[in-house]
All heavy atoms as atom14 arrays in JSON, in Angstrom:
{
  "sequence": "GCLECHAHQGYEVGDIRGGVSVAVPLTDYLERERQIAGVTVSAFAG",
  "atom14_mask": [
    [1, 1, 1, 1, 0, 0, 0, 0, 0, 0, 0, 0, 0, 0],
    [1, 1, 1, 1, 1, 1, 0, 0, 0, 0, 0, 0, 0, 0],
    [1, 1, 1, 1, 1, 1, 1, 1, 0, 0, 0, 0, 0, 0],
    [1, 1, 1, 1, 1, 1, 1, 1, 1, 0, 0, 0, 0, 0],
    [1, 1, 1, 1, 1, 1, 0, 0, 0, 0, 0, 0, 0, 0],
    [1, 1, 1, 1, 1, 1, 1, 1, 1, 1, 0, 0, 0, 0],
    [1, 1, 1, 1, 1, 0, 0, 0, 0, 0, 0, 0, 0, 0],
    [1, 1, 1, 1, 1, 1, 1, 1, 1, 1, 0, 0, 0, 0],
    [1, 1, 1, 1, 1, 1, 1, 1, 1, 0, 0, 0, 0, 0],
    [1, 1, 1, 1, 0, 0, 0, 0, 0, 0, 0, 0, 0, 0],
    [1, 1, 1, 1, 1, 1, 1, 1, 1, 1, 1, 1, 0, 0],
    [1, 1, 1, 1, 1, 1, 1, 1, 1, 0, 0, 0, 0, 0],
    [1, 1, 1, 1, 1, 1, 1, 0, 0, 0, 0, 0, 0, 0],
    [1, 1, 1, 1, 0, 0, 0, 0, 0, 0, 0, 0, 0, 0],
    [1, 1, 1, 1, 1, 1, 1, 1, 0, 0, 0, 0, 0, 0],
    [1, 1, 1, 1, 1, 1, 1, 1, 0, 0, 0, 0, 0, 0],
    [1, 1, 1, 1, 1, 1, 1, 1, 1, 1, 1, 0, 0, 0],
    [1, 1, 1, 1, 0, 0, 0, 0, 0, 0, 0, 0, 0, 0],
    [1, 1, 1, 1, 0, 0, 0, 0, 0, 0, 0, 0, 0, 0],
    [1, 1, 1, 1, 1, 1, 1, 0, 0, 0, 0, 0, 0, 0],
    [1, 1, 1, 1, 1, 1, 0, 0, 0, 0, 0, 0, 0, 0],
    [1, 1, 1, 1, 1, 1, 1, 0, 0, 0, 0, 0, 0, 0],
    [1, 1, 1, 1, 1, 0, 0, 0, 0, 0, 0, 0, 0, 0],
    [1, 1, 1, 1, 1, 1, 1, 0, 0, 0, 0, 0, 0, 0],
    [1, 1, 1, 1, 1, 1, 1, 0, 0, 0, 0, 0, 0, 0],
    [1, 1, 1, 1, 1, 1, 1, 1, 0, 0, 0, 0, 0, 0],
    [1, 1, 1, 1, 1, 1, 1, 0, 0, 0, 0, 0, 0, 0],
    [1, 1, 1, 1, 1, 1, 1, 1, 0, 0, 0, 0, 0, 0],
    [1, 1, 1, 1, 1, 1, 1, 1, 1, 1, 1, 1, 0, 0],
    [1, 1, 1, 1, 1, 1, 1, 1, 0, 0, 0, 0, 0, 0],
    [1, 1, 1, 1, 1, 1, 1, 1, 1, 0, 0, 0, 0, 0],
    [1, 1, 1, 1, 1, 1, 1, 1, 1, 1, 1, 0, 0, 0],
    [1, 1, 1, 1, 1, 1, 1, 1, 1, 0, 0, 0, 0, 0],
    [1, 1, 1, 1, 1, 1, 1, 1, 1, 1, 1, 0, 0, 0],
    [1, 1, 1, 1, 1, 1, 1, 1, 1, 0, 0, 0, 0, 0],
    [1, 1, 1, 1, 1, 1, 1, 1, 0, 0, 0, 0, 0, 0],
    [1, 1, 1, 1, 1, 0, 0, 0, 0, 0, 0, 0, 0, 0],
    [1, 1, 1, 1, 0, 0, 0, 0, 0, 0, 0, 0, 0, 0],
    [1, 1, 1, 1, 1, 1, 1, 0, 0, 0, 0, 0, 0, 0],
    [1, 1, 1, 1, 1, 1, 1, 0, 0, 0, 0, 0, 0, 0],
    [1, 1, 1, 1, 1, 1, 1, 0, 0, 0, 0, 0, 0, 0],
    [1, 1, 1, 1, 1, 1, 0, 0, 0, 0, 0, 0, 0, 0],
    [1, 1, 1, 1, 1, 0, 0, 0, 0, 0, 0, 0, 0, 0],
    [1, 1, 1, 1, 1, 1, 1, 1, 1, 1, 1, 0, 0, 0],
    [1, 1, 1, 1, 1, 0, 0, 0, 0, 0, 0, 0, 0, 0],
    [1, 1, 1, 1, 0, 0, 0, 0, 0, 0, 0, 0, 0, 0]
  ],
  "atom14_positions": [
    [[-11.88, 23.41, -3.58], [-10.82, 23.73, -4.54], [-10.89, 22.9, -5.79], [-10.39, 23.29, -6.84], [0.0, 0.0, 0.0], [0.0, 0.0, 0.0], [0.0, 0.0, 0.0], [0.0, 0.0, 0.0], [0.0, 0.0, 0.0], [0.0, 0.0, 0.0], [0.0, 0.0, 0.0], [0.0, 0.0, 0.0], [0.0, 0.0, 0.0], [0.0, 0.0, 0.0]],
    [[-11.52, 21.72, -5.69], [-11.61, 20.83, -6.86], [-12.64, 21.33, -7.88], [-12.58, 20.97, -9.06], [-11.98, 19.41, -6.42], [-10.79, 18.65, -5.3], [0.0, 0.0, 0.0], [0.0, 0.0, 0.0], [0.0, 0.0, 0.0], [0.0, 0.0, 0.0], [0.0, 0.0, 0.0], [0.0, 0.0, 0.0], [0.0, 0.0, 0.0], [0.0, 0.0, 0.0]],
    [[-13.63, 22.09, -7.41], [-14.73, 22.5, -8.3], [-14.26, 23.44, -9.4], [-14.93, 23.57, -10.44], [-15.84, 23.16, -7.48], [-16.55, 22.24, -6.46], [-17.61, 23.02, -5.7], [-17.18, 21.05, -7.19], [0.0, 0.0, 0.0], [0.0, 0.0, 0.0], [0.0, 0.0, 0.0], [0.0, 0.0, 0.0], [0.0, 0.0, 0.0], [0.0, 0.0, 0.0]],
    [[-13.14, 24.1, -9.18], [-12.65, 25.03, -10.2], [-12.39, 24.31, -11.52], [-12.61, 24.85, -12.6], [-11.37, 25.71, -9.7], [-10.83, 26.73, -10.69], [-9.62, 27.45, -10.13], [-9.34, 27.29, -8.92], [-8.96, 28.18, -10.89], [0.0, 0.0, 0.0], [0.0, 0.0, 0.0], [0.0, 0.0, 0.0], [0.0, 0.0, 0.0], [0.0, 0.0, 0.0]],
    [[-11.91, 23.04, -11.41], [-11.59, 22.28, -12.62], [-12.66, 21.25, -12.95], [-12.76, 20.8, -14.1], [-10.25, 21.57, -12.47], [-8.85, 22.68, -12.21], [0.0, 0.0, 0.0], [0.0, 0.0, 0.0], [0.0, 0.0, 0.0], [0.0, 0.0, 0.0], [0.0, 0.0, 0.0], [0.0, 0.0, 0.0], [0.0, 0.0, 0.0], [0.0, 0.0, 0.0]],
    [[-13.45, 20.8, -11.97], [-14.34, 19.66, -12.2], [-15.81, 19.99, -12.01], [-16.65, 19.08, -12.07], [-13.97, 18.51, -11.24], [-12.6, 17.97, -11.46], [-12.29, 17.16, -12.52], [-11.45, 18.16, -10.74], [-11.01, 16.84, -12.45], [-10.47, 17.44, -11.38], [0.0, 0.0, 0.0], [0.0, 0.0, 0.0], [0.0, 0.0, 0.0], [0.0, 0.0, 0.0]],
    [[-16.13, 21.27, -11.77], [-17.54, 21.6, -11.58], [-18.35, 21.34, -12.85], [-19.52, 20.94, -12.8], [-17.68, 23.06, -11.15], [0.0, 0.0, 0.0], [0.0, 0.0, 0.0], [0.0, 0.0, 0.0], [0.0, 0.0, 0.0], [0.0, 0.0, 0.0], [0.0, 0.0, 0.0], [0.0, 0.0, 0.0], [0.0, 0.0, 0.0], [0.0, 0.0, 0.0]],
    [[-17.71, 21.52, -14.02], [-18.44, 21.33, -15.28], [-18.82, 19.87, -15.49], [-19.66, 19.57, -16.33], [-17.58, 21.82, -16.45], [-16.4, 20.94, -16.72], [-15.28, 20.92, -15.89], [-16.18, 20.03, -17.72], [-14.42, 20.05, -16.38], [-14.94, 19.49, -17.49], [0.0, 0.0, 0.0], [0.0, 0.0, 0.0], [0.0, 0.0, 0.0], [0.0, 0.0, 0.0]],
    [[-18.19, 18.94, -14.7], [-18.54, 17.52, -14.84], [-19.73, 17.15, -13.95], [-20.15, 15.99, -13.93], [-17.34, 16.64, -14.47], [-16.17, 16.8, -15.42], [-15.0, 15.93, -14.98], [-14.16, 16.38, -14.22], [-15.0, 14.7, -15.46], [0.0, 0.0, 0.0], [0.0, 0.0, 0.0], [0.0, 0.0, 0.0], [0.0, 0.0, 0.0], [0.0, 0.0, 0.0]],
    [[-20.22, 18.09, -13.16], [-21.38, 17.82, -12.32], [-21.04, 17.37, -10.9], [-21.93, 16.95, -10.17], [0.0, 0.0, 0.0], [0.0, 0.0, 0.0], [0.0, 0.0, 0.0], [0.0, 0.0, 0.0], [0.0, 0.0, 0.0], [0.0, 0.0, 0.0], [0.0, 0.0, 0.0], [0.0, 0.0, 0.0], [0.0, 0.0, 0.0], [0.0, 0.0, 0.0]],
    [[-19.78, 17.45, -10.53], [-19.41, 17.01, -9.19], [-19.77, 18.08, -8.16], [-19.76, 19.29, -8.46], [-17.9, 16.73, -9.1], [-17.5, 15.46, -9.78], [-16.82, 15.49, -11.0], [-17.79, 14.23, -9.19], [-16.45, 14.31, -11.63], [-17.42, 13.05, -9.82], [-16.75, 13.09, -11.03], [-16.37, 11.93, -11.63], [0.0, 0.0, 0.0], [0.0, 0.0, 0.0]],
    [[-20.07, 17.64, -6.96], [-20.31, 18.53, -5.83], [-19.37, 18.18, -4.69], [-18.78, 17.09, -4.65], [-21.77, 18.4, -5.36], [-22.79, 18.82, -6.41], [-24.21, 18.69, -5.88], [-24.36, 18.25, -4.72], [-25.15, 19.04, -6.61], [0.0, 0.0, 0.0], [0.0, 0.0, 0.0], [0.0, 0.0, 0.0], [0.0, 0.0, 0.0], [0.0, 0.0, 0.0]],
    [[-19.25, 19.1, -3.74], [-18.36, 18.9, -2.59], [-18.8, 17.64, -1.83], [-19.98, 17.46, -1.53], [-18.37, 20.12, -1.65], [-17.56, 19.82, -0.38], [-17.79, 21.32, -2.37], [0.0, 0.0, 0.0], [0.0, 0.0, 0.0], [0.0, 0.0, 0.0], [0.0, 0.0, 0.0], [0.0, 0.0, 0.0], [0.0, 0.0, 0.0], [0.0, 0.0, 0.0]],
    [[-17.83, 16.77, -1.54], [-18.1, 15.53, -0.81], [-18.25, 14.31, -1.68], [-18.24, 13.19, -1.18], [0.0, 0.0, 0.0], [0.0, 0.0, 0.0], [0.0, 0.0, 0.0], [0.0, 0.0, 0.0], [0.0, 0.0, 0.0], [0.0, 0.0, 0.0], [0.0, 0.0, 0.0], [0.0, 0.0, 0.0], [0.0, 0.0, 0.0], [0.0, 0.0, 0.0]],
    [[-18.41, 14.52, -3.04], [-18.54, 13.37, -3.93], [-17.22, 12.61, -4.03], [-16.13, 13.19, -3.84], [-18.95, 13.82, -5.34], [-20.39, 14.32, -5.37], [-21.11, 14.07, -4.38], [-20.77, 14.96, -6.37], [0.0, 0.0, 0.0], [0.0, 0.0, 0.0], [0.0, 0.0, 0.0], [0.0, 0.0, 0.0], [0.0, 0.0, 0.0], [0.0, 0.0, 0.0]],
    [[-17.3, 11.31, -4.36], [-16.1, 10.51, -4.59], [-15.67, 10.73, -6.03], [-16.36, 10.35, -6.98], [-16.37, 9.01, -4.36], [-16.84, 8.76, -2.92], [-15.11, 8.19, -4.63], [-15.81, 9.13, -1.88], [0.0, 0.0, 0.0], [0.0, 0.0, 0.0], [0.0, 0.0, 0.0], [0.0, 0.0, 0.0], [0.0, 0.0, 0.0], [0.0, 0.0, 0.0]],
    [[-14.52, 11.39, -6.18], [-14.03, 11.68, -7.53], [-13.23, 10.51, -8.09], [-13.2, 10.28, -9.3], [-13.15, 12.94, -7.5], [-12.47, 13.28, -8.82], [-13.48, 13.6, -9.9], [-12.85, 13.8, -11.21], [-12.68, 12.86, -12.11], [-13.12, 11.63, -11.85], [-12.11, 13.1, -13.28], [0.0, 0.0, 0.0], [0.0, 0.0, 0.0], [0.0, 0.0, 0.0]],
    [[-12.61, 9.76, -7.23], [-11.76, 8.65, -7.65], [-10.93, 8.2, -6.45], [-11.43, 8.17, -5.32], [0.0, 0.0, 0.0], [0.0, 0.0, 0.0], [0.0, 0.0, 0.0], [0.0, 0.0, 0.0], [0.0, 0.0, 0.0], [0.0, 0.0, 0.0], [0.0, 0.0, 0.0], [0.0, 0.0, 0.0], [0.0, 0.0, 0.0], [0.0, 0.0, 0.0]],
    [[-9.7, 7.82, -6.7], [-8.86, 7.37, -5.6], [-7.39, 7.42, -5.98], [-7.04, 7.52, -7.15], [0.0, 0.0, 0.0], [0.0, 0.0, 0.0], [0.0, 0.0, 0.0], [0.0, 0.0, 0.0], [0.0, 0.0, 0.0], [0.0, 0.0, 0.0], [0.0, 0.0, 0.0], [0.0, 0.0, 0.0], [0.0, 0.0, 0.0], [0.0, 0.0, 0.0]],
    [[-6.55, 7.38, -4.96], [-5.1, 7.34, -5.13], [-4.62, 6.0, -4.59], [-4.92, 5.64, -3.45], [-4.41, 8.5, -4.38], [-2.9, 8.37, -4.53], [-4.89, 9.84, -4.93], [0.0, 0.0, 0.0], [0.0, 0.0, 0.0], [0.0, 0.0, 0.0], [0.0, 0.0, 0.0], [0.0, 0.0, 0.0], [0.0, 0.0, 0.0], [0.0, 0.0, 0.0]],
    [[-3.9, 5.24, -5.41], [-3.4, 3.93, -4.98], [-1.88, 3.97, -4.86], [-1.21, 4.72, -5.57], [-3.83, 2.84, -5.96], [-3.15, 2.99, -7.2], [0.0, 0.0, 0.0], [0.0, 0.0, 0.0], [0.0, 0.0, 0.0], [0.0, 0.0, 0.0], [0.0, 0.0, 0.0], [0.0, 0.0, 0.0], [0.0, 0.0, 0.0], [0.0, 0.0, 0.0]],
    [[-1.38, 3.14, -3.93], [0.06, 3.0, -3.7], [0.39, 1.52, -3.69], [-0.34, 0.73, -3.08], [0.48, 3.64, -2.35], [1.97, 3.41, -2.11], [0.17, 5.13, -2.35], [0.0, 0.0, 0.0], [0.0, 0.0, 0.0], [0.0, 0.0, 0.0], [0.0, 0.0, 0.0], [0.0, 0.0, 0.0], [0.0, 0.0, 0.0], [0.0, 0.0, 0.0]],
    [[1.46, 1.1, -4.35], [1.89, -0.31, -4.39], [3.33, -0.4, -3.91], [4.23, 0.18, -4.52], [1.75, -0.88, -5.8], [0.0, 0.0, 0.0], [0.0, 0.0, 0.0], [0.0, 0.0, 0.0], [0.0, 0.0, 0.0], [0.0, 0.0, 0.0], [0.0, 0.0, 0.0], [0.0, 0.0, 0.0], [0.0, 0.0, 0.0], [0.0, 0.0, 0.0]],
    [[3.56, -1.11, -2.79], [4.9, -1.26, -2.2], [5.43, -2.65, -2.54], [4.79, -3.67, -2.2], [4.85, -1.09, -0.67], [6.23, -1.31, -0.07], [4.33, 0.3, -0.32], [0.0, 0.0, 0.0], [0.0, 0.0, 0.0], [0.0, 0.0, 0.0], [0.0, 0.0, 0.0], [0.0, 0.0, 0.0], [0.0, 0.0, 0.0], [0.0, 0.0, 0.0]],
    [[6.6, -2.79, -3.18], [7.17, -4.12, -3.48], [7.49, -4.86, -2.18], [8.04, -4.29, -1.24], [8.45, -3.81, -4.27], [8.3, -2.39, -4.72], [7.46, -1.7, -3.71], [0.0, 0.0, 0.0], [0.0, 0.0, 0.0], [0.0, 0.0, 0.0], [0.0, 0.0, 0.0], [0.0, 0.0, 0.0], [0.0, 0.0, 0.0], [0.0, 0.0, 0.0]],
    [[7.14, -6.15, -2.13], [7.35, -6.95, -0.92], [8.57, -7.86, -1.01], [8.87, -8.57, -0.04], [6.11, -7.82, -0.65], [4.84, -7.09, -0.24], [3.7, -8.08, -0.07], [5.06, -6.31, 1.05], [0.0, 0.0, 0.0], [0.0, 0.0, 0.0], [0.0, 0.0, 0.0], [0.0, 0.0, 0.0], [0.0, 0.0, 0.0], [0.0, 0.0, 0.0]],
    [[9.28, -7.86, -2.12], [10.38, -8.83, -2.3], [11.43, -8.69, -1.21], [11.83, -9.68, -0.58], [11.02, -8.65, -3.68], [10.02, -8.81, -4.69], [12.11, -9.69, -3.88], [0.0, 0.0, 0.0], [0.0, 0.0, 0.0], [0.0, 0.0, 0.0], [0.0, 0.0, 0.0], [0.0, 0.0, 0.0], [0.0, 0.0, 0.0], [0.0, 0.0, 0.0]],
    [[11.9, -7.45, -0.97], [12.94, -7.26, 0.06], [12.41, -7.6, 1.45], [13.11, -8.2, 2.28], [13.44, -5.82, 0.04], [14.24, -5.53, -1.22], [14.68, -6.49, -1.87], [14.4, -4.34, -1.56], [0.0, 0.0, 0.0], [0.0, 0.0, 0.0], [0.0, 0.0, 0.0], [0.0, 0.0, 0.0], [0.0, 0.0, 0.0], [0.0, 0.0, 0.0]],
    [[11.16, -7.2, 1.74], [10.58, -7.51, 3.05], [10.5, -9.02, 3.26], [10.85, -9.54, 4.34], [9.17, -6.92, 3.15], [9.14, -5.43, 3.34], [8.86, -4.57, 2.28], [9.36, -4.86, 4.59], [8.81, -3.2, 2.45], [9.3, -3.48, 4.77], [9.03, -2.65, 3.7], [8.97, -1.31, 3.88], [0.0, 0.0, 0.0], [0.0, 0.0, 0.0]],
    [[10.02, -9.75, 2.24], [9.86, -11.2, 2.4], [11.2, -11.91, 2.52], [11.33, -12.9, 3.24], [9.08, -11.76, 1.2], [7.62, -11.27, 1.07], [6.99, -11.8, -0.2], [6.8, -11.7, 2.29], [0.0, 0.0, 0.0], [0.0, 0.0, 0.0], [0.0, 0.0, 0.0], [0.0, 0.0, 0.0], [0.0, 0.0, 0.0], [0.0, 0.0, 0.0]],
    [[12.23, -11.39, 1.81], [13.55, -12.02, 1.92], [14.1, -11.85, 3.32], [14.68, -12.78, 3.9], [14.5, -11.38, 0.89], [15.92, -11.94, 0.93], [15.97, -13.43, 0.66], [15.06, -13.95, -0.01], [16.91, -14.09, 1.14], [0.0, 0.0, 0.0], [0.0, 0.0, 0.0], [0.0, 0.0, 0.0], [0.0, 0.0, 0.0], [0.0, 0.0, 0.0]],
    [[13.94, -10.63, 3.89], [14.41, -10.4, 5.27], [13.63, -11.27, 6.26], [14.19, -11.82, 7.21], [14.26, -8.93, 5.63], [14.84, -8.57, 6.99], [15.11, -7.08, 7.09], [13.94, -6.28, 6.84], [13.78, -5.5, 5.75], [14.71, -5.46, 4.82], [12.68, -4.79, 5.6], [0.0, 0.0, 0.0], [0.0, 0.0, 0.0], [0.0, 0.0, 0.0]],
    [[12.32, -11.43, 6.01], [11.51, -12.3, 6.88], [12.0, -13.75, 6.82], [12.11, -14.43, 7.83], [10.05, -12.22, 6.44], [9.13, -13.17, 7.22], [7.76, -13.27, 6.57], [7.29, -12.26, 6.01], [7.16, -14.35, 6.63], [0.0, 0.0, 0.0], [0.0, 0.0, 0.0], [0.0, 0.0, 0.0], [0.0, 0.0, 0.0], [0.0, 0.0, 0.0]],
    [[12.31, -14.23, 5.59], [12.78, -15.61, 5.45], [14.11, -15.83, 6.17], [14.33, -16.88, 6.78], [12.91, -15.96, 3.97], [11.59, -16.28, 3.28], [11.81, -16.89, 1.92], [12.34, -15.9, 0.96], [11.58, -15.12, 0.21], [10.27, -15.21, 0.27], [12.13, -14.27, -0.63], [0.0, 0.0, 0.0], [0.0, 0.0, 0.0], [0.0, 0.0, 0.0]],
    [[15.0, -14.86, 6.12], [16.29, -15.01, 6.8], [16.11, -15.12, 8.31], [16.67, -16.0, 8.97], [17.2, -13.82, 6.46], [17.63, -13.78, 5.0], [18.41, -12.52, 4.65], [18.58, -11.62, 5.49], [18.88, -12.42, 3.42], [0.0, 0.0, 0.0], [0.0, 0.0, 0.0], [0.0, 0.0, 0.0], [0.0, 0.0, 0.0], [0.0, 0.0, 0.0]],
    [[15.31, -14.21, 8.87], [15.09, -14.23, 10.32], [14.37, -15.5, 10.74], [14.73, -16.14, 11.73], [14.28, -12.98, 10.74], [15.08, -11.7, 10.46], [13.91, -13.05, 12.22], [14.3, -10.43, 10.69], [0.0, 0.0, 0.0], [0.0, 0.0, 0.0], [0.0, 0.0, 0.0], [0.0, 0.0, 0.0], [0.0, 0.0, 0.0], [0.0, 0.0, 0.0]],
    [[13.35, -15.9, 9.96], [12.61, -17.12, 10.29], [13.51, -18.34, 10.23], [13.41, -19.25, 11.07], [11.41, -17.27, 9.36], [0.0, 0.0, 0.0], [0.0, 0.0, 0.0], [0.0, 0.0, 0.0], [0.0, 0.0, 0.0], [0.0, 0.0, 0.0], [0.0, 0.0, 0.0], [0.0, 0.0, 0.0], [0.0, 0.0, 0.0], [0.0, 0.0, 0.0]],
    [[14.4, -18.39, 9.24], [15.29, -19.55, 9.13], [16.21, -19.69, 10.32], [16.39, -20.78, 10.86], [0.0, 0.0, 0.0], [0.0, 0.0, 0.0], [0.0, 0.0, 0.0], [0.0, 0.0, 0.0], [0.0, 0.0, 0.0], [0.0, 0.0, 0.0], [0.0, 0.0, 0.0], [0.0, 0.0, 0.0], [0.0, 0.0, 0.0], [0.0, 0.0, 0.0]],
    [[16.8, -18.56, 10.76], [17.69, -18.6, 11.93], [16.92, -19.03, 13.18], [17.37, -19.87, 13.97], [18.34, -17.22, 12.14], [19.09, -17.19, 13.45], [19.28, -16.92, 10.99], [0.0, 0.0, 0.0], [0.0, 0.0, 0.0], [0.0, 0.0, 0.0], [0.0, 0.0, 0.0], [0.0, 0.0, 0.0], [0.0, 0.0, 0.0], [0.0, 0.0, 0.0]],
    [[15.71, -18.46, 13.36], [14.93, -18.77, 14.56], [14.51, -20.23, 14.59], [14.66, -20.92, 15.6], [13.68, -17.87, 14.61], [14.09, -16.5, 14.58], [12.88, -18.13, 15.87], [0.0, 0.0, 0.0], [0.0, 0.0, 0.0], [0.0, 0.0, 0.0], [0.0, 0.0, 0.0], [0.0, 0.0, 0.0], [0.0, 0.0, 0.0], [0.0, 0.0, 0.0]],
    [[13.98, -20.72, 13.47], [13.52, -22.12, 13.43], [14.69, -23.08, 13.62], [14.57, -24.11, 14.28], [12.78, -22.4, 12.11], [12.48, -23.88, 11.96], [11.48, -21.6, 12.06], [0.0, 0.0, 0.0], [0.0, 0.0, 0.0], [0.0, 0.0, 0.0], [0.0, 0.0, 0.0], [0.0, 0.0, 0.0], [0.0, 0.0, 0.0], [0.0, 0.0, 0.0]],
    [[15.87, -22.74, 13.06], [17.04, -23.61, 13.24], [17.44, -23.69, 14.7], [17.77, -24.77, 15.22], [18.2, -23.09, 12.39], [17.89, -23.11, 11.01], [0.0, 0.0, 0.0], [0.0, 0.0, 0.0], [0.0, 0.0, 0.0], [0.0, 0.0, 0.0], [0.0, 0.0, 0.0], [0.0, 0.0, 0.0], [0.0, 0.0, 0.0], [0.0, 0.0, 0.0]],
    [[17.42, -22.54, 15.38], [17.77, -22.54, 16.8], [16.77, -23.37, 17.61], [17.15, -24.17, 18.48], [17.82, -21.11, 17.33], [0.0, 0.0, 0.0], [0.0, 0.0, 0.0], [0.0, 0.0, 0.0], [0.0, 0.0, 0.0], [0.0, 0.0, 0.0], [0.0, 0.0, 0.0], [0.0, 0.0, 0.0], [0.0, 0.0, 0.0], [0.0, 0.0, 0.0]],
    [[15.48, -23.19, 17.31], [14.46, -23.96, 18.03], [14.63, -25.45, 17.76], [14.46, -26.28, 18.66], [13.07, -23.5, 17.59], [12.65, -22.21, 18.18], [11.43, -21.62, 17.84], [13.44, -21.54, 19.09], [11.04, -20.43, 18.38], [13.06, -20.35, 19.65], [11.85, -19.79, 19.28], [0.0, 0.0, 0.0], [0.0, 0.0, 0.0], [0.0, 0.0, 0.0]],
    [[14.94, -25.81, 16.5], [15.08, -27.23, 16.17], [16.25, -27.85, 16.93], [16.16, -28.99, 17.4], [15.29, -27.39, 14.66], [0.0, 0.0, 0.0], [0.0, 0.0, 0.0], [0.0, 0.0, 0.0], [0.0, 0.0, 0.0], [0.0, 0.0, 0.0], [0.0, 0.0, 0.0], [0.0, 0.0, 0.0], [0.0, 0.0, 0.0], [0.0, 0.0, 0.0]],
    [[17.35, -27.09, 17.07], [18.48, -27.63, 17.82], [18.14, -27.89, 19.28], [18.48, -28.94, 19.84], [0.0, 0.0, 0.0], [0.0, 0.0, 0.0], [0.0, 0.0, 0.0], [0.0, 0.0, 0.0], [0.0, 0.0, 0.0], [0.0, 0.0, 0.0], [0.0, 0.0, 0.0], [0.0, 0.0, 0.0], [0.0, 0.0, 0.0], [0.0, 0.0, 0.0]]
  ]
}
């Protein structure tokens, strides 16, 4: 299906045309991790 638009560029089926990237923000994940780690380490320290 890709050749309809990209055949004129010389691509063939199976070639690597490029890639799709995804970036997930980690700020909320890391904050939740710090909260849980703080409670756990405090309990262990006691």
